[in-house]
Amino acid sequence: MADESRVVADRPVMAIGAALLVVAAVVLWQSWGLRASFGNQAIGPQMMPLLVSGLLALFGVLTIREGLRGAAPARDSEDWSAIIWIAGGLAVMICLIPRAGFVPGTAILFAATARAFGSTRALVDLTLGAVIALVVYLFFVRVLGLSLPSGLFETLF
């Protein structure tokens, strides 16, 4: 009598897990060279990339385990329009940031991503994206003292 309850491995899920392990290895390899220290501090610039690498490896292993069990949730049908909206928003952001600055580019990416998730309120999404981007911009520039690409809009602040 054949065993009807045999689990079939989900190969695409396992491939995603393997890709996460590869990314974790690359992050680990690239962060290994970060040896700059600030005096005698035990925590240096390596800490965050090493943490990210460890988490990526953990999630990779867990994803592979779920793929082997065949326990991944059922996938929705493909919706290429969402991918096109996000990729298009990212392309516009990349082209716009050097000319217009961080806030307008990020606002457009936010609105395109919101559209990909089904929002139809473009003006609200652009405004919300601009407010969030401005808060992020001011935090990085004023609080952390780091520089982000500035355009006409950012010079007002």
C-alpha atoms as a PDB file:
ATOM      1  CA  MET A   1       0.000   0.000   0.000  1.00  0.00           C
ATOM      2  CA  ALA A   2       1.500   3.339  -1.079  1.00  0.00           C
ATOM      3  CA  ASP A   3       1.966   6.079   1.457  1.00  0.00           C
ATOM      4  CA  GLU A   4      -0.499   8.815   0.412  1.00  0.00           C
ATOM      5  CA  SER A   5       0.816  11.336   2.954  1.00  0.00           C
ATOM      6  CA  ARG A   6       4.271  11.659   1.422  1.00  0.00           C
ATOM      7  CA  VAL A   7       5.475  15.268   1.491  1.00  0.00           C
ATOM      8  CA  VAL A   8       6.735  16.809  -1.728  1.00  0.00           C
ATOM      9  CA  ALA A   9       9.562  19.299  -1.352  1.00  0.00           C
ATOM     10  CA  ASP A  10       8.844  22.811  -2.625  1.00  0.00           C
ATOM     11  CA  ARG A  11      11.887  23.499  -4.818  1.00  0.00           C
ATOM     12  CA  PRO A  12      11.244  27.228  -5.450  1.00  0.00           C
ATOM     13  CA  VAL A  13      11.058  27.816  -1.690  1.00  0.00           C
ATOM     14  CA  MET A  14      14.271  25.872  -1.208  1.00  0.00           C
ATOM     15  CA  ALA A  15      15.922  27.973  -3.952  1.00  0.00           C
ATOM     16  CA  ILE A  16      14.927  31.139  -2.095  1.00  0.00           C
ATOM     17  CA  GLY A  17      16.457  29.726   1.080  1.00  0.00           C
ATOM     18  CA  ALA A  18      19.662  28.868  -0.774  1.00  0.00           C
ATOM     19  CA  ALA A  19      19.771  32.388  -2.234  1.00  0.00           C
ATOM     20  CA  LEU A  20      19.444  33.817   1.289  1.00  0.00           C
ATOM     21  CA  LEU A  21      22.408  31.678   2.370  1.00  0.00           C
ATOM     22  CA  VAL A  22      24.462  32.959  -0.568  1.00  0.00           C
ATOM     23  CA  VAL A  23      23.609  36.581   0.286  1.00  0.00           C
ATOM     24  CA  ALA A  24      24.511  35.894   3.932  1.00  0.00           C
ATOM     25  CA  ALA A  25      27.888  34.526   2.840  1.00  0.00           C
ATOM     26  CA  VAL A  26      28.565  37.569   0.649  1.00  0.00           C
ATOM     27  CA  VAL A  27      27.631  39.973   3.456  1.00  0.00           C
ATOM     28  CA  LEU A  28      29.855  38.046   5.861  1.00  0.00           C
ATOM     29  CA  TRP A  29      32.750  38.058   3.393  1.00  0.00           C
ATOM     30  CA  GLN A  30      32.396  41.782   2.640  1.00  0.00           C
ATOM     31  CA  SER A  31      32.019  42.802   6.286  1.00  0.00           C
ATOM     32  CA  TRP A  32      35.070  40.828   7.367  1.00  0.00           C
ATOM     33  CA  GLY A  33      37.330  43.586   6.020  1.00  0.00           C
ATOM     34  CA  LEU A  34      35.743  46.305   8.158  1.00  0.00           C
ATOM     35  CA  ARG A  35      38.443  46.576  10.795  1.00  0.00           C
ATOM     36  CA  ALA A  36      38.263  50.281  11.652  1.00  0.00           C
ATOM     37  CA  SER A  37      37.762  50.849  15.340  1.00  0.00           C
ATOM     38  CA  PHE A  38      37.101  53.805  17.546  1.00  0.00           C
ATOM     39  CA  GLY A  39      39.658  53.637  20.314  1.00  0.00           C
ATOM     40  CA  ASN A  40      39.330  50.523  22.417  1.00  0.00           C
ATOM     41  CA  GLN A  41      35.652  49.891  21.732  1.00  0.00           C
ATOM     42  CA  ALA A  42      34.661  46.257  21.372  1.00  0.00           C
ATOM     43  CA  ILE A  43      31.811  47.074  18.976  1.00  0.00           C
ATOM     44  CA  GLY A  44      32.959  48.414  15.627  1.00  0.00           C
ATOM     45  CA  PRO A  45      31.581  48.855  12.129  1.00  0.00           C
ATOM     46  CA  GLN A  46      31.502  45.065  11.642  1.00  0.00           C
ATOM     47  CA  MET A  47      28.727  44.545  14.157  1.00  0.00           C
ATOM     48  CA  MET A  48      25.690  45.385  12.015  1.00  0.00           C
ATOM     49  CA  PRO A  49      26.769  43.550   8.836  1.00  0.00           C
ATOM     50  CA  LEU A  50      27.664  40.484  10.911  1.00  0.00           C
ATOM     51  CA  LEU A  51      24.255  40.609  12.598  1.00  0.00           C
ATOM     52  CA  VAL A  52      22.526  40.963   9.222  1.00  0.00           C
ATOM     53  CA  SER A  53      24.595  38.080   7.846  1.00  0.00           C
ATOM     54  CA  GLY A  54      23.630  35.863  10.778  1.00  0.00           C
ATOM     55  CA  LEU A  55      19.940  36.690  10.416  1.00  0.00           C
ATOM     56  CA  LEU A  56      20.026  36.083   6.662  1.00  0.00           C
ATOM     57  CA  ALA A  57      21.656  32.688   7.268  1.00  0.00           C
ATOM     58  CA  LEU A  58      19.053  31.827   9.923  1.00  0.00           C
ATOM     59  CA  PHE A  59      16.183  32.799   7.622  1.00  0.00           C
ATOM     60  CA  GLY A  60      17.820  30.866   4.773  1.00  0.00           C
ATOM     61  CA  VAL A  61      18.020  27.690   6.853  1.00  0.00           C
ATOM     62  CA  LEU A  62      14.434  28.099   8.088  1.00  0.00           C
ATOM     63  CA  THR A  63      13.196  28.712   4.542  1.00  0.00           C
ATOM     64  CA  ILE A  64      14.970  25.598   3.254  1.00  0.00           C
ATOM     65  CA  ARG A  65      13.461  23.598   6.115  1.00  0.00           C
ATOM     66  CA  GLU A  66       9.976  24.797   5.190  1.00  0.00           C
ATOM     67  CA  GLY A  67      10.649  23.929   1.555  1.00  0.00           C
ATOM     68  CA  LEU A  68      11.736  20.410   2.496  1.00  0.00           C
ATOM     69  CA  ARG A  69       8.584  19.957   4.544  1.00  0.00           C
ATOM     70  CA  GLY A  70       6.408  21.321   1.745  1.00  0.00           C
ATOM     71  CA  ALA A  71       4.922  23.597   4.399  1.00  0.00           C
ATOM     72  CA  ALA A  72       5.119  26.911   2.550  1.00  0.00           C
ATOM     73  CA  PRO A  73       1.772  28.653   2.101  1.00  0.00           C
ATOM     74  CA  ALA A  74       0.106  28.481  -1.293  1.00  0.00           C
ATOM     75  CA  ARG A  75       1.305  31.183  -3.677  1.00  0.00           C
ATOM     76  CA  ASP A  76      -0.981  33.723  -5.256  1.00  0.00           C
ATOM     77  CA  SER A  77      -1.168  34.013  -9.003  1.00  0.00           C
ATOM     78  CA  GLU A  78       1.520  36.144 -10.620  1.00  0.00           C
ATOM     79  CA  ASP A  79       0.845  39.861 -10.861  1.00  0.00           C
ATOM     80  CA  TRP A  80       3.472  41.403 -13.112  1.00  0.00           C
ATOM     81  CA  SER A  81       1.871  44.838 -12.942  1.00  0.00           C
ATOM     82  CA  ALA A  82       2.943  45.166  -9.302  1.00  0.00           C
ATOM     83  CA  ILE A  83       6.524  44.286 -10.194  1.00  0.00           C
ATOM     84  CA  ILE A  84       6.477  46.782 -13.061  1.00  0.00           C
ATOM     85  CA  TRP A  85       5.178  49.566 -10.757  1.00  0.00           C
ATOM     86  CA  ILE A  86       7.889  48.937  -8.160  1.00  0.00           C
ATOM     87  CA  ALA A  87      10.704  48.516 -10.706  1.00  0.00           C
ATOM     88  CA  GLY A  88       9.527  51.632 -12.559  1.00  0.00           C
ATOM     89  CA  GLY A  89       9.393  53.632  -9.336  1.00  0.00           C
ATOM     90  CA  LEU A  90      12.893  52.476  -8.459  1.00  0.00           C
ATOM     91  CA  ALA A  91      14.194  53.418 -11.927  1.00  0.00           C
ATOM     92  CA  VAL A  92      12.626  56.883 -11.681  1.00  0.00           C
ATOM     93  CA  MET A  93      14.091  57.310  -8.186  1.00  0.00           C
ATOM     94  CA  ILE A  94      17.579  56.359  -9.386  1.00  0.00           C
ATOM     95  CA  CYS A  95      17.348  58.876 -12.250  1.00  0.00           C
ATOM     96  CA  LEU A  96      15.758  61.600 -10.140  1.00  0.00           C
ATOM     97  CA  ILE A  97      17.896  61.557  -6.976  1.00  0.00           C
ATOM     98  CA  PRO A  98      21.043  63.126  -8.498  1.00  0.00           C
ATOM     99  CA  ARG A  99      19.005  65.941 -10.048  1.00  0.00           C
ATOM    100  CA  ALA A 100      16.057  66.563  -7.737  1.00  0.00           C
ATOM    101  CA  GLY A 101      17.321  65.099  -4.461  1.00  0.00           C
ATOM    102  CA  PHE A 102      16.402  62.411  -1.969  1.00  0.00           C
ATOM    103  CA  VAL A 103      12.907  63.545  -0.960  1.00  0.00           C
ATOM    104  CA  PRO A 104      11.247  63.771  -4.416  1.00  0.00           C
ATOM    105  CA  GLY A 105      12.858  60.535  -5.608  1.00  0.00           C
ATOM    106  CA  THR A 106      11.818  58.646  -2.499  1.00  0.00           C
ATOM    107  CA  ALA A 107       8.288  60.096  -2.612  1.00  0.00           C
ATOM    108  CA  ILE A 108       7.841  58.790  -6.167  1.00  0.00           C
ATOM    109  CA  LEU A 109       9.157  55.354  -5.200  1.00  0.00           C
ATOM    110  CA  PHE A 110       6.769  55.304  -2.220  1.00  0.00           C
ATOM    111  CA  ALA A 111       3.794  56.245  -4.426  1.00  0.00           C
ATOM    112  CA  ALA A 112       4.712  53.651  -7.069  1.00  0.00           C
ATOM    113  CA  THR A 113       5.052  50.949  -4.411  1.00  0.00           C
ATOM    114  CA  ALA A 114       1.714  51.941  -2.873  1.00  0.00           C
ATOM    115  CA  ARG A 115       0.157  51.693  -6.343  1.00  0.00           C
ATOM    116  CA  ALA A 116       1.669  48.228  -6.739  1.00  0.00           C
ATOM    117  CA  PHE A 117      -0.109  47.217  -3.526  1.00  0.00           C
ATOM    118  CA  GLY A 118      -3.445  48.525  -4.838  1.00  0.00           C
ATOM    119  CA  SER A 119      -3.659  52.141  -3.711  1.00  0.00           C
ATOM    120  CA  THR A 120      -5.450  54.497  -6.075  1.00  0.00           C
ATOM    121  CA  ARG A 121      -4.761  57.718  -4.135  1.00  0.00           C
ATOM    122  CA  ALA A 122      -1.661  58.972  -5.980  1.00  0.00           C
ATOM    123  CA  LEU A 123      -1.619  62.475  -4.458  1.00  0.00           C
ATOM    124  CA  VAL A 124      -2.041  61.139  -0.916  1.00  0.00           C
ATOM    125  CA  ASP A 125       0.694  58.560  -1.534  1.00  0.00           C
ATOM    126  CA  LEU A 126       3.078  61.181  -2.955  1.00  0.00           C
ATOM    127  CA  THR A 127       2.439  63.471   0.007  1.00  0.00           C
ATOM    128  CA  LEU A 128       2.866  60.699   2.562  1.00  0.00           C
ATOM    129  CA  GLY A 129       6.022  59.501   0.795  1.00  0.00           C
ATOM    130  CA  ALA A 130       7.434  63.036   0.797  1.00  0.00           C
ATOM    131  CA  VAL A 131       6.732  63.488   4.515  1.00  0.00           C
ATOM    132  CA  ILE A 132       8.349  60.162   5.423  1.00  0.00           C
ATOM    133  CA  ALA A 133      11.331  60.878   3.145  1.00  0.00           C
ATOM    134  CA  LEU A 134      11.760  64.345   4.674  1.00  0.00           C
ATOM    135  CA  VAL A 135      11.768  62.909   8.203  1.00  0.00           C
ATOM    136  CA  VAL A 136      14.362  60.307   7.145  1.00  0.00           C
ATOM    137  CA  TYR A 137      16.416  62.978   5.349  1.00  0.00           C
ATOM    138  CA  LEU A 138      16.415  65.325   8.348  1.00  0.00           C
ATOM    139  CA  PHE A 139      17.284  62.485  10.725  1.00  0.00           C
ATOM    140  CA  PHE A 140      20.263  61.393   8.645  1.00  0.00           C
ATOM    141  CA  VAL A 141      21.507  64.919   7.902  1.00  0.00           C
ATOM    142  CA  ARG A 142      20.753  66.789  11.134  1.00  0.00           C
ATOM    143  CA  VAL A 143      20.905  64.076  13.808  1.00  0.00           C
ATOM    144  CA  LEU A 144      23.430  61.601  12.429  1.00  0.00           C
ATOM    145  CA  GLY A 145      25.467  64.156  10.479  1.00  0.00           C
ATOM    146  CA  LEU A 146      25.487  62.018   7.329  1.00  0.00           C
ATOM    147  CA  SER A 147      24.914  63.322   3.835  1.00  0.00           C
ATOM    148  CA  LEU A 148      22.147  62.308   1.469  1.00  0.00           C
ATOM    149  CA  PRO A 149      21.655  63.620  -2.073  1.00  0.00           C
ATOM    150  CA  SER A 150      20.229  67.122  -1.904  1.00  0.00           C
ATOM    151  CA  GLY A 151      18.116  68.879  -4.482  1.00  0.00           C
ATOM    152  CA  LEU A 152      16.117  72.075  -4.551  1.00  0.00           C
ATOM    153  CA  PHE A 153      13.565  70.768  -2.042  1.00  0.00           C
ATOM    154  CA  GLU A 154      16.159  69.759   0.559  1.00  0.00           C
ATOM    155  CA  THR A 155      17.863  73.167   0.457  1.00  0.00           C
ATOM    156  CA  LEU A 156      14.739  74.598   2.078  1.00  0.00           C
ATOM    157  CA  PHE A 157      15.561  72.656   5.233  1.00  0.00           C
END
